[in-house]
Amino acid sequence: MEGKKKKTLQKIMRSLHRDIGFLMIGMTLIYAISGIVLVYRDTDFLKSEKTITRQLEPNLENEQIGMMLHLRFFKVEKTEGDIVYFGNGTYNKSTGEAVYSSVSLPNFLNKINGLHKASSQSKTHWFTTIFGVLMLFLAFSSFWMFKAKTKHFKRGMVISSLGLVVAVVMLVL
């Protein structure tokens, strides 16, 4: 048995924390970027405008136009003859042609934002679930980085408690 080191729970957790931490760097960068972009989703930050022309059925009712175009907050502003004017475009009742403008993020940012907004039906739901579980592991395994009686551990507990208080305050506000 000489030369063989005993694996303690602390050593195992430290090794796992280190290795999983390195694995998570790329994924964390993606989630951080998409999180920042999502904060500004109600603005046109990083978005570009494009004009879209769609052929719909003629003589649609106003409510049907918004549903067919999949536009949130659709509201008809006025109708002049066969032309229906709405917030960002027009619909010709006689021809069925709808022309409107839309703003969207670059394709790469749209894809990474999709990770943040993934549902259980999404193709990426396993990726996002595993990411969340690994983040939880990293948070809890950090308590094994230092021995419980050390100054660093006590400082870590104070900082962890402060982080928890800040999170609760943010939720209350």
N, C-alpha and C. Protein backbone atom coordinates (compact mmCIF):
# COMPACT_ATOMS: atom_id res chain seq x y z
N MET A 1 0.82 -1.20 0.00
CA MET A 1 0.00 0.00 0.00
C MET A 1 0.86 1.26 0.00
N GLU A 2 2.15 1.08 0.09
CA GLU A 2 3.00 2.26 0.11
C GLU A 2 2.94 2.96 -1.25
N GLY A 3 2.94 4.27 -1.23
CA GLY A 3 2.91 5.04 -2.46
C GLY A 3 1.51 5.32 -2.97
N LYS A 4 0.51 4.65 -2.41
CA LYS A 4 -0.86 4.88 -2.83
C LYS A 4 -1.49 5.91 -1.91
N LYS A 5 -2.03 6.98 -2.50
CA LYS A 5 -2.66 8.02 -1.71
C LYS A 5 -4.12 7.66 -1.48
N LYS A 6 -4.59 7.97 -0.29
CA LYS A 6 -5.99 7.73 0.03
C LYS A 6 -6.82 8.87 -0.57
N LYS A 7 -7.85 8.49 -1.31
CA LYS A 7 -8.72 9.50 -1.92
C LYS A 7 -9.77 9.91 -0.90
N THR A 8 -9.70 11.14 -0.46
CA THR A 8 -10.72 11.65 0.46
C THR A 8 -11.82 12.31 -0.36
N LEU A 9 -12.97 12.50 0.28
CA LEU A 9 -14.08 13.18 -0.40
C LEU A 9 -13.66 14.57 -0.86
N GLN A 10 -12.87 15.24 -0.04
CA GLN A 10 -12.41 16.58 -0.42
C GLN A 10 -11.55 16.54 -1.67
N LYS A 11 -10.64 15.57 -1.77
CA LYS A 11 -9.78 15.49 -2.95
C LYS A 11 -10.59 15.14 -4.20
N ILE A 12 -11.55 14.23 -4.05
CA ILE A 12 -12.40 13.86 -5.18
C ILE A 12 -13.21 15.06 -5.66
N MET A 13 -13.81 15.79 -4.72
CA MET A 13 -14.62 16.96 -5.08
C MET A 13 -13.76 18.04 -5.72
N ARG A 14 -12.56 18.25 -5.21
CA ARG A 14 -11.66 19.24 -5.80
C ARG A 14 -11.32 18.87 -7.25
N SER A 15 -11.01 17.59 -7.48
CA SER A 15 -10.67 17.14 -8.83
C SER A 15 -11.87 17.29 -9.77
N LEU A 16 -13.03 16.85 -9.31
CA LEU A 16 -14.24 16.99 -10.14
C LEU A 16 -14.55 18.45 -10.41
N HIS A 17 -14.44 19.28 -9.37
CA HIS A 17 -14.72 20.71 -9.52
C HIS A 17 -13.79 21.31 -10.58
N ARG A 18 -12.51 20.98 -10.51
CA ARG A 18 -11.52 21.50 -11.47
C ARG A 18 -11.87 21.05 -12.89
N ASP A 19 -12.06 19.74 -13.08
CA ASP A 19 -12.28 19.20 -14.42
C ASP A 19 -13.61 19.65 -15.02
N ILE A 20 -14.66 19.62 -14.22
CA ILE A 20 -15.97 20.08 -14.71
C ILE A 20 -15.92 21.58 -14.97
N GLY A 21 -15.20 22.31 -14.13
CA GLY A 21 -15.04 23.75 -14.35
C GLY A 21 -14.41 24.06 -15.70
N PHE A 22 -13.36 23.33 -16.05
CA PHE A 22 -12.73 23.52 -17.36
C PHE A 22 -13.69 23.15 -18.49
N LEU A 23 -14.43 22.07 -18.31
CA LEU A 23 -15.41 21.65 -19.31
C LEU A 23 -16.47 22.73 -19.53
N MET A 24 -16.85 23.41 -18.46
CA MET A 24 -17.95 24.37 -18.51
C MET A 24 -17.55 25.74 -19.05
N ILE A 25 -16.28 26.01 -19.23
CA ILE A 25 -15.86 27.35 -19.66
C ILE A 25 -16.54 27.76 -20.96
N GLY A 26 -16.48 26.94 -21.97
CA GLY A 26 -17.09 27.29 -23.26
C GLY A 26 -18.59 27.46 -23.16
N MET A 27 -19.24 26.54 -22.47
CA MET A 27 -20.70 26.62 -22.33
C MET A 27 -21.10 27.86 -21.53
N THR A 28 -20.31 28.18 -20.50
CA THR A 28 -20.62 29.35 -19.69
C THR A 28 -20.47 30.63 -20.51
N LEU A 29 -19.47 30.70 -21.36
CA LEU A 29 -19.31 31.87 -22.23
C LEU A 29 -20.54 32.06 -23.12
N ILE A 30 -21.02 30.96 -23.70
CA ILE A 30 -22.21 31.04 -24.57
C ILE A 30 -23.41 31.53 -23.78
N TYR A 31 -23.64 30.94 -22.61
CA TYR A 31 -24.79 31.35 -21.79
C TYR A 31 -24.65 32.78 -21.28
N ALA A 32 -23.44 33.20 -20.97
CA ALA A 32 -23.24 34.57 -20.50
C ALA A 32 -23.55 35.57 -21.61
N ILE A 33 -23.07 35.29 -22.82
CA ILE A 33 -23.35 36.18 -23.95
C ILE A 33 -24.84 36.24 -24.22
N SER A 34 -25.50 35.09 -24.27
CA SER A 34 -26.94 35.10 -24.56
C SER A 34 -27.72 35.76 -23.44
N GLY A 35 -27.29 35.58 -22.21
CA GLY A 35 -27.97 36.23 -21.08
C GLY A 35 -27.89 37.75 -21.18
N ILE A 36 -26.73 38.25 -21.54
CA ILE A 36 -26.57 39.70 -21.70
C ILE A 36 -27.44 40.21 -22.84
N VAL A 37 -27.45 39.50 -23.96
CA VAL A 37 -28.27 39.91 -25.11
C VAL A 37 -29.75 39.86 -24.74
N LEU A 38 -30.17 38.85 -23.99
CA LEU A 38 -31.58 38.73 -23.62
C LEU A 38 -32.04 39.85 -22.71
N VAL A 39 -31.15 40.41 -21.91
CA VAL A 39 -31.52 41.54 -21.07
C VAL A 39 -32.02 42.70 -21.93
N TYR A 40 -31.45 42.85 -23.13
CA TYR A 40 -31.80 43.96 -24.01
C TYR A 40 -32.73 43.52 -25.15
N ARG A 41 -33.47 42.42 -24.96
CA ARG A 41 -34.34 41.92 -26.03
C ARG A 41 -35.49 42.87 -26.36
N ASP A 42 -35.82 43.77 -25.44
CA ASP A 42 -36.90 44.72 -25.71
C ASP A 42 -36.40 45.96 -26.44
N THR A 43 -35.12 45.98 -26.79
CA THR A 43 -34.56 47.08 -27.57
C THR A 43 -34.11 46.54 -28.93
N ASP A 44 -33.57 47.39 -29.74
CA ASP A 44 -33.04 46.96 -31.05
C ASP A 44 -31.53 46.76 -31.00
N PHE A 45 -30.98 46.58 -29.79
CA PHE A 45 -29.55 46.36 -29.59
C PHE A 45 -29.10 45.15 -30.40
N LEU A 46 -28.14 45.36 -31.28
CA LEU A 46 -27.54 44.33 -32.15
C LEU A 46 -28.50 43.76 -33.21
N LYS A 47 -29.68 44.33 -33.33
CA LYS A 47 -30.65 43.81 -34.29
C LYS A 47 -30.56 44.58 -35.60
N SER A 48 -30.91 43.89 -36.68
CA SER A 48 -30.96 44.57 -37.97
C SER A 48 -32.38 44.44 -38.52
N GLU A 49 -32.77 45.43 -39.30
CA GLU A 49 -34.13 45.46 -39.84
C GLU A 49 -34.14 44.87 -41.24
N LYS A 50 -35.19 44.11 -41.53
CA LYS A 50 -35.37 43.60 -42.88
C LYS A 50 -36.84 43.70 -43.25
N THR A 51 -37.09 43.87 -44.54
CA THR A 51 -38.45 43.96 -45.05
C THR A 51 -38.90 42.58 -45.53
N ILE A 52 -40.09 42.19 -45.10
CA ILE A 52 -40.62 40.87 -45.44
C ILE A 52 -41.89 41.05 -46.25
N THR A 53 -42.00 40.29 -47.33
CA THR A 53 -43.22 40.27 -48.14
C THR A 53 -43.78 38.86 -48.08
N ARG A 54 -45.05 38.75 -47.68
CA ARG A 54 -45.70 37.44 -47.58
C ARG A 54 -47.01 37.47 -48.34
N GLN A 55 -47.29 36.39 -49.01
CA GLN A 55 -48.56 36.26 -49.73
C GLN A 55 -49.54 35.51 -48.84
N LEU A 56 -50.59 36.21 -48.43
CA LEU A 56 -51.64 35.62 -47.61
C LEU A 56 -52.91 35.49 -48.45
N GLU A 57 -53.91 34.91 -47.87
CA GLU A 57 -55.21 34.85 -48.55
C GLU A 57 -55.79 36.26 -48.61
N PRO A 58 -56.50 36.58 -49.66
CA PRO A 58 -57.17 37.88 -49.72
C PRO A 58 -58.33 37.95 -48.73
N ASN A 59 -58.73 39.16 -48.41
CA ASN A 59 -59.91 39.47 -47.59
C ASN A 59 -59.90 38.84 -46.19
N LEU A 60 -58.75 38.82 -45.56
CA LEU A 60 -58.67 38.32 -44.18
C LEU A 60 -59.19 39.38 -43.22
N GLU A 61 -59.75 38.92 -42.11
CA GLU A 61 -60.16 39.84 -41.04
C GLU A 61 -58.89 40.33 -40.33
N ASN A 62 -59.00 41.46 -39.66
CA ASN A 62 -57.84 42.07 -39.01
C ASN A 62 -57.14 41.11 -38.05
N GLU A 63 -57.89 40.38 -37.22
CA GLU A 63 -57.29 39.46 -36.26
C GLU A 63 -56.53 38.34 -36.97
N GLN A 64 -57.07 37.90 -38.11
CA GLN A 64 -56.44 36.81 -38.86
C GLN A 64 -55.09 37.24 -39.45
N ILE A 65 -54.99 38.51 -39.83
CA ILE A 65 -53.73 39.01 -40.40
C ILE A 65 -52.60 38.85 -39.39
N GLY A 66 -52.83 39.31 -38.17
CA GLY A 66 -51.81 39.21 -37.13
C GLY A 66 -51.44 37.76 -36.83
N MET A 67 -52.45 36.88 -36.80
CA MET A 67 -52.18 35.46 -36.53
C MET A 67 -51.39 34.82 -37.67
N MET A 68 -51.75 35.12 -38.91
CA MET A 68 -51.07 34.53 -40.07
C MET A 68 -49.61 35.00 -40.17
N LEU A 69 -49.37 36.23 -39.76
CA LEU A 69 -48.01 36.78 -39.82
C LEU A 69 -47.20 36.48 -38.55
N HIS A 70 -47.85 35.89 -37.56
CA HIS A 70 -47.21 35.56 -36.29
C HIS A 70 -46.57 36.79 -35.65
N LEU A 71 -47.32 37.89 -35.64
CA LEU A 71 -46.82 39.13 -35.06
C LEU A 71 -47.45 39.34 -33.69
N ARG A 72 -46.59 39.48 -32.69
CA ARG A 72 -47.10 39.81 -31.36
C ARG A 72 -47.47 41.28 -31.34
N PHE A 73 -48.42 41.61 -30.53
CA PHE A 73 -48.86 43.00 -30.35
C PHE A 73 -49.38 43.59 -31.67
N PHE A 74 -49.97 42.75 -32.52
CA PHE A 74 -50.51 43.22 -33.79
C PHE A 74 -51.69 44.13 -33.52
N LYS A 75 -51.69 45.30 -34.17
CA LYS A 75 -52.79 46.25 -34.00
C LYS A 75 -52.96 47.03 -35.29
N VAL A 76 -54.18 47.01 -35.81
CA VAL A 76 -54.49 47.77 -37.02
C VAL A 76 -54.61 49.25 -36.65
N GLU A 77 -53.88 50.09 -37.40
CA GLU A 77 -53.92 51.52 -37.13
C GLU A 77 -55.01 52.21 -37.94
N LYS A 78 -55.13 51.80 -39.21
CA LYS A 78 -56.17 52.38 -40.06
C LYS A 78 -56.35 51.53 -41.30
N THR A 79 -57.47 51.74 -41.98
CA THR A 79 -57.75 51.07 -43.25
C THR A 79 -58.15 52.12 -44.26
N GLU A 80 -57.48 52.13 -45.41
CA GLU A 80 -57.82 53.05 -46.49
C GLU A 80 -58.07 52.22 -47.74
N GLY A 81 -59.32 52.10 -48.12
CA GLY A 81 -59.67 51.25 -49.26
C GLY A 81 -59.34 49.81 -48.94
N ASP A 82 -58.53 49.19 -49.79
CA ASP A 82 -58.14 47.79 -49.58
C ASP A 82 -56.87 47.64 -48.75
N ILE A 83 -56.25 48.73 -48.37
CA ILE A 83 -54.97 48.67 -47.65
C ILE A 83 -55.21 48.80 -46.15
N VAL A 84 -54.72 47.79 -45.41
CA VAL A 84 -54.80 47.80 -43.95
C VAL A 84 -53.40 48.15 -43.44
N TYR A 85 -53.32 49.22 -42.65
CA TYR A 85 -52.05 49.66 -42.09
C TYR A 85 -51.94 49.18 -40.64
N PHE A 86 -50.82 48.54 -40.33
CA PHE A 86 -50.56 48.14 -38.96
C PHE A 86 -49.16 48.62 -38.58
N GLY A 87 -48.83 48.51 -37.33
CA GLY A 87 -47.59 49.06 -36.75
C GLY A 87 -46.38 49.11 -37.64
N ASN A 88 -46.05 48.03 -38.29
CA ASN A 88 -44.81 48.02 -39.06
C ASN A 88 -45.01 47.53 -40.49
N GLY A 89 -46.23 47.69 -41.01
CA GLY A 89 -46.44 47.26 -42.38
C GLY A 89 -47.85 47.47 -42.89
N THR A 90 -48.13 46.82 -44.03
CA THR A 90 -49.44 46.94 -44.67
C THR A 90 -49.90 45.57 -45.17
N TYR A 91 -51.22 45.46 -45.34
CA TYR A 91 -51.82 44.27 -45.92
C TYR A 91 -52.83 44.74 -46.95
N ASN A 92 -52.72 44.19 -48.19
CA ASN A 92 -53.64 44.53 -49.26
C ASN A 92 -54.75 43.47 -49.28
N LYS A 93 -55.97 43.88 -48.93
CA LYS A 93 -57.09 42.93 -48.86
C LYS A 93 -57.41 42.30 -50.20
N SER A 94 -57.26 43.03 -51.28
CA SER A 94 -57.64 42.48 -52.59
C SER A 94 -56.62 41.48 -53.13
N THR A 95 -55.33 41.71 -52.87
CA THR A 95 -54.30 40.79 -53.40
C THR A 95 -53.80 39.79 -52.34
N GLY A 96 -53.96 40.13 -51.05
CA GLY A 96 -53.46 39.28 -49.98
C GLY A 96 -52.00 39.50 -49.66
N GLU A 97 -51.37 40.47 -50.30
CA GLU A 97 -49.96 40.71 -50.06
C GLU A 97 -49.75 41.52 -48.77
N ALA A 98 -48.87 41.02 -47.91
CA ALA A 98 -48.51 41.72 -46.68
C ALA A 98 -47.04 42.09 -46.78
N VAL A 99 -46.74 43.34 -46.51
CA VAL A 99 -45.36 43.83 -46.50
C VAL A 99 -45.14 44.49 -45.15
N TYR A 100 -44.12 44.00 -44.44
CA TYR A 100 -43.84 44.57 -43.12
C TYR A 100 -42.35 44.46 -42.83
N SER A 101 -41.92 45.23 -41.85
CA SER A 101 -40.51 45.18 -41.46
C SER A 101 -40.39 44.45 -40.13
N SER A 102 -39.27 43.79 -39.97
CA SER A 102 -39.01 43.03 -38.77
C SER A 102 -37.55 43.23 -38.37
N VAL A 103 -37.31 43.27 -37.08
CA VAL A 103 -35.94 43.36 -36.60
C VAL A 103 -35.56 42.03 -35.96
N SER A 104 -34.34 41.59 -36.21
CA SER A 104 -33.90 40.33 -35.61
C SER A 104 -32.40 40.37 -35.35
N LEU A 105 -31.99 39.52 -34.45
CA LEU A 105 -30.58 39.38 -34.12
C LEU A 105 -29.86 38.62 -35.21
N PRO A 106 -28.55 38.74 -35.30
CA PRO A 106 -27.80 37.88 -36.22
C PRO A 106 -28.07 36.41 -35.88
N ASN A 107 -27.97 35.54 -36.86
CA ASN A 107 -28.33 34.14 -36.72
C ASN A 107 -27.62 33.46 -35.54
N PHE A 108 -26.32 33.72 -35.36
CA PHE A 108 -25.57 33.11 -34.26
C PHE A 108 -26.19 33.47 -32.91
N LEU A 109 -26.52 34.75 -32.72
CA LEU A 109 -27.10 35.18 -31.44
C LEU A 109 -28.50 34.60 -31.27
N ASN A 110 -29.27 34.48 -32.35
CA ASN A 110 -30.58 33.84 -32.26
C ASN A 110 -30.45 32.40 -31.78
N LYS A 111 -29.46 31.70 -32.29
CA LYS A 111 -29.26 30.29 -31.91
C LYS A 111 -28.87 30.16 -30.44
N ILE A 112 -27.94 30.98 -29.97
CA ILE A 112 -27.55 30.84 -28.57
C ILE A 112 -28.64 31.33 -27.63
N ASN A 113 -29.44 32.30 -28.06
CA ASN A 113 -30.58 32.71 -27.24
C ASN A 113 -31.60 31.58 -27.14
N GLY A 114 -31.68 30.78 -28.18
CA GLY A 114 -32.57 29.62 -28.15
C GLY A 114 -32.19 28.65 -27.05
N LEU A 115 -30.90 28.55 -26.73
CA LEU A 115 -30.47 27.69 -25.63
C LEU A 115 -31.04 28.19 -24.30
N HIS A 116 -31.03 29.50 -24.13
CA HIS A 116 -31.54 30.09 -22.89
C HIS A 116 -33.04 29.90 -22.77
N LYS A 117 -33.74 29.87 -23.90
CA LYS A 117 -35.20 29.79 -23.87
C LYS A 117 -35.72 28.41 -24.23
N ALA A 118 -34.87 27.39 -24.18
CA ALA A 118 -35.26 26.04 -24.59
C ALA A 118 -36.37 25.49 -23.69
N SER A 119 -37.29 24.76 -24.30
CA SER A 119 -38.34 24.07 -23.54
C SER A 119 -38.05 22.57 -23.56
N SER A 120 -38.86 21.82 -22.85
CA SER A 120 -38.64 20.37 -22.79
C SER A 120 -38.86 19.70 -24.14
N GLN A 121 -39.51 20.38 -25.06
CA GLN A 121 -39.76 19.84 -26.39
C GLN A 121 -38.63 20.16 -27.36
N SER A 122 -37.72 21.02 -26.96
CA SER A 122 -36.63 21.45 -27.82
C SER A 122 -35.58 20.36 -28.00
N LYS A 123 -34.90 20.39 -29.14
CA LYS A 123 -33.80 19.45 -29.39
C LYS A 123 -32.66 19.64 -28.41
N THR A 124 -32.51 20.84 -27.90
CA THR A 124 -31.38 21.17 -27.03
C THR A 124 -31.70 21.04 -25.55
N HIS A 125 -32.86 20.48 -25.20
CA HIS A 125 -33.24 20.46 -23.78
C HIS A 125 -32.27 19.63 -22.92
N TRP A 126 -31.68 18.58 -23.47
CA TRP A 126 -30.72 17.80 -22.68
C TRP A 126 -29.46 18.61 -22.41
N PHE A 127 -29.02 19.35 -23.41
CA PHE A 127 -27.84 20.20 -23.24
C PHE A 127 -28.08 21.22 -22.12
N THR A 128 -29.22 21.88 -22.16
CA THR A 128 -29.50 22.91 -21.16
C THR A 128 -29.71 22.30 -19.77
N THR A 129 -30.32 21.13 -19.71
CA THR A 129 -30.51 20.47 -18.42
C THR A 129 -29.17 20.05 -17.83
N ILE A 130 -28.31 19.45 -18.63
CA ILE A 130 -26.99 19.02 -18.15
C ILE A 130 -26.17 20.24 -17.73
N PHE A 131 -26.26 21.31 -18.50
CA PHE A 131 -25.55 22.55 -18.14
C PHE A 131 -26.01 23.02 -16.75
N GLY A 132 -27.31 23.05 -16.52
CA GLY A 132 -27.84 23.48 -15.22
C GLY A 132 -27.38 22.59 -14.09
N VAL A 133 -27.41 21.28 -14.30
CA VAL A 133 -26.97 20.34 -13.27
C VAL A 133 -25.48 20.52 -12.96
N LEU A 134 -24.67 20.69 -14.01
CA LEU A 134 -23.24 20.89 -13.80
C LEU A 134 -22.95 22.21 -13.09
N MET A 135 -23.73 23.24 -13.38
CA MET A 135 -23.56 24.52 -12.68
C MET A 135 -23.90 24.36 -11.20
N LEU A 136 -24.96 23.61 -10.90
CA LEU A 136 -25.29 23.34 -9.50
C LEU A 136 -24.16 22.58 -8.82
N PHE A 137 -23.61 21.60 -9.52
CA PHE A 137 -22.48 20.84 -8.95
C PHE A 137 -21.32 21.78 -8.65
N LEU A 138 -20.98 22.65 -9.58
CA LEU A 138 -19.86 23.57 -9.34
C LEU A 138 -20.12 24.46 -8.14
N ALA A 139 -21.36 24.91 -7.99
CA ALA A 139 -21.68 25.77 -6.84
C ALA A 139 -21.49 25.01 -5.53
N PHE A 140 -22.02 23.79 -5.46
CA PHE A 140 -21.93 23.04 -4.21
C PHE A 140 -20.54 22.45 -3.97
N SER A 141 -19.86 22.03 -5.02
CA SER A 141 -18.54 21.43 -4.82
C SER A 141 -17.52 22.47 -4.37
N SER A 142 -17.82 23.74 -4.57
CA SER A 142 -16.87 24.77 -4.11
C SER A 142 -16.72 24.75 -2.59
N PHE A 143 -17.70 24.19 -1.87
CA PHE A 143 -17.57 24.09 -0.42
C PHE A 143 -16.50 23.08 0.00
N TRP A 144 -16.02 22.24 -0.92
CA TRP A 144 -14.98 21.28 -0.61
C TRP A 144 -13.59 21.75 -1.07
N MET A 145 -13.49 22.99 -1.50
CA MET A 145 -12.20 23.49 -1.96
C MET A 145 -11.23 23.70 -0.79
N PHE A 146 -11.77 24.01 0.38
CA PHE A 146 -10.93 24.26 1.55
C PHE A 146 -11.47 23.47 2.73
N LYS A 147 -10.59 23.12 3.65
CA LYS A 147 -11.02 22.39 4.84
C LYS A 147 -11.90 23.30 5.69
N ALA A 148 -12.87 22.70 6.35
CA ALA A 148 -13.91 23.44 7.05
C ALA A 148 -13.40 24.40 8.13
N LYS A 149 -12.30 24.12 8.74
CA LYS A 149 -11.83 24.95 9.86
C LYS A 149 -10.92 26.09 9.41
N THR A 150 -10.65 26.21 8.11
CA THR A 150 -9.70 27.21 7.64
C THR A 150 -10.35 28.58 7.45
N LYS A 151 -9.50 29.58 7.42
CA LYS A 151 -9.94 30.97 7.20
C LYS A 151 -10.60 31.11 5.82
N HIS A 152 -10.03 30.44 4.81
CA HIS A 152 -10.58 30.53 3.46
C HIS A 152 -12.00 29.96 3.39
N PHE A 153 -12.23 28.86 4.09
CA PHE A 153 -13.56 28.25 4.09
C PHE A 153 -14.57 29.20 4.74
N LYS A 154 -14.20 29.76 5.88
CA LYS A 154 -15.12 30.67 6.59
C LYS A 154 -15.41 31.90 5.74
N ARG A 155 -14.40 32.41 5.08
CA ARG A 155 -14.60 33.56 4.18
C ARG A 155 -15.53 33.17 3.03
N GLY A 156 -15.35 31.96 2.49
CA GLY A 156 -16.22 31.46 1.42
C GLY A 156 -17.66 31.34 1.87
N MET A 157 -17.88 30.92 3.11
CA MET A 157 -19.24 30.82 3.64
C MET A 157 -19.89 32.20 3.76
N VAL A 158 -19.11 33.19 4.20
CA VAL A 158 -19.63 34.55 4.31
C VAL A 158 -20.00 35.08 2.92
N ILE A 159 -19.11 34.88 1.96
CA ILE A 159 -19.38 35.37 0.60
C ILE A 159 -20.57 34.62 -0.01
N SER A 160 -20.67 33.32 0.22
CA SER A 160 -21.82 32.54 -0.28
C SER A 160 -23.12 33.04 0.32
N SER A 161 -23.10 33.32 1.62
CA SER A 161 -24.29 33.85 2.29
C SER A 161 -24.67 35.21 1.72
N LEU A 162 -23.68 36.04 1.48
CA LEU A 162 -23.93 37.35 0.88
C LEU A 162 -24.56 37.18 -0.51
N GLY A 163 -24.05 36.25 -1.30
CA GLY A 163 -24.62 36.00 -2.62
C GLY A 163 -26.06 35.55 -2.54
N LEU A 164 -26.38 34.71 -1.57
CA LEU A 164 -27.75 34.25 -1.38
C LEU A 164 -28.66 35.40 -0.99
N VAL A 165 -28.19 36.27 -0.09
CA VAL A 165 -28.97 37.44 0.34
C VAL A 165 -29.23 38.37 -0.86
N VAL A 166 -28.19 38.63 -1.65
CA VAL A 166 -28.35 39.50 -2.82
C VAL A 166 -29.38 38.91 -3.79
N ALA A 167 -29.32 37.59 -4.02
CA ALA A 167 -30.28 36.94 -4.92
C ALA A 167 -31.71 37.07 -4.40
N VAL A 168 -31.91 36.86 -3.09
CA VAL A 168 -33.25 36.98 -2.51
C VAL A 168 -33.76 38.42 -2.61
N VAL A 169 -32.88 39.39 -2.33
CA VAL A 169 -33.27 40.80 -2.43
C VAL A 169 -33.68 41.13 -3.88
N MET A 170 -32.92 40.63 -4.86
CA MET A 170 -33.26 40.89 -6.26
C MET A 170 -34.61 40.28 -6.62
N LEU A 171 -34.93 39.12 -6.08
CA LEU A 171 -36.22 38.49 -6.35
C LEU A 171 -37.37 39.25 -5.70
N VAL A 172 -37.12 39.80 -4.53
CA VAL A 172 -38.16 40.55 -3.82
C VAL A 172 -38.44 41.88 -4.51
N LEU A 173 -37.39 42.49 -5.00
CA LEU A 173 -37.56 43.80 -5.68
C LEU A 173 -38.17 43.54 -7.01
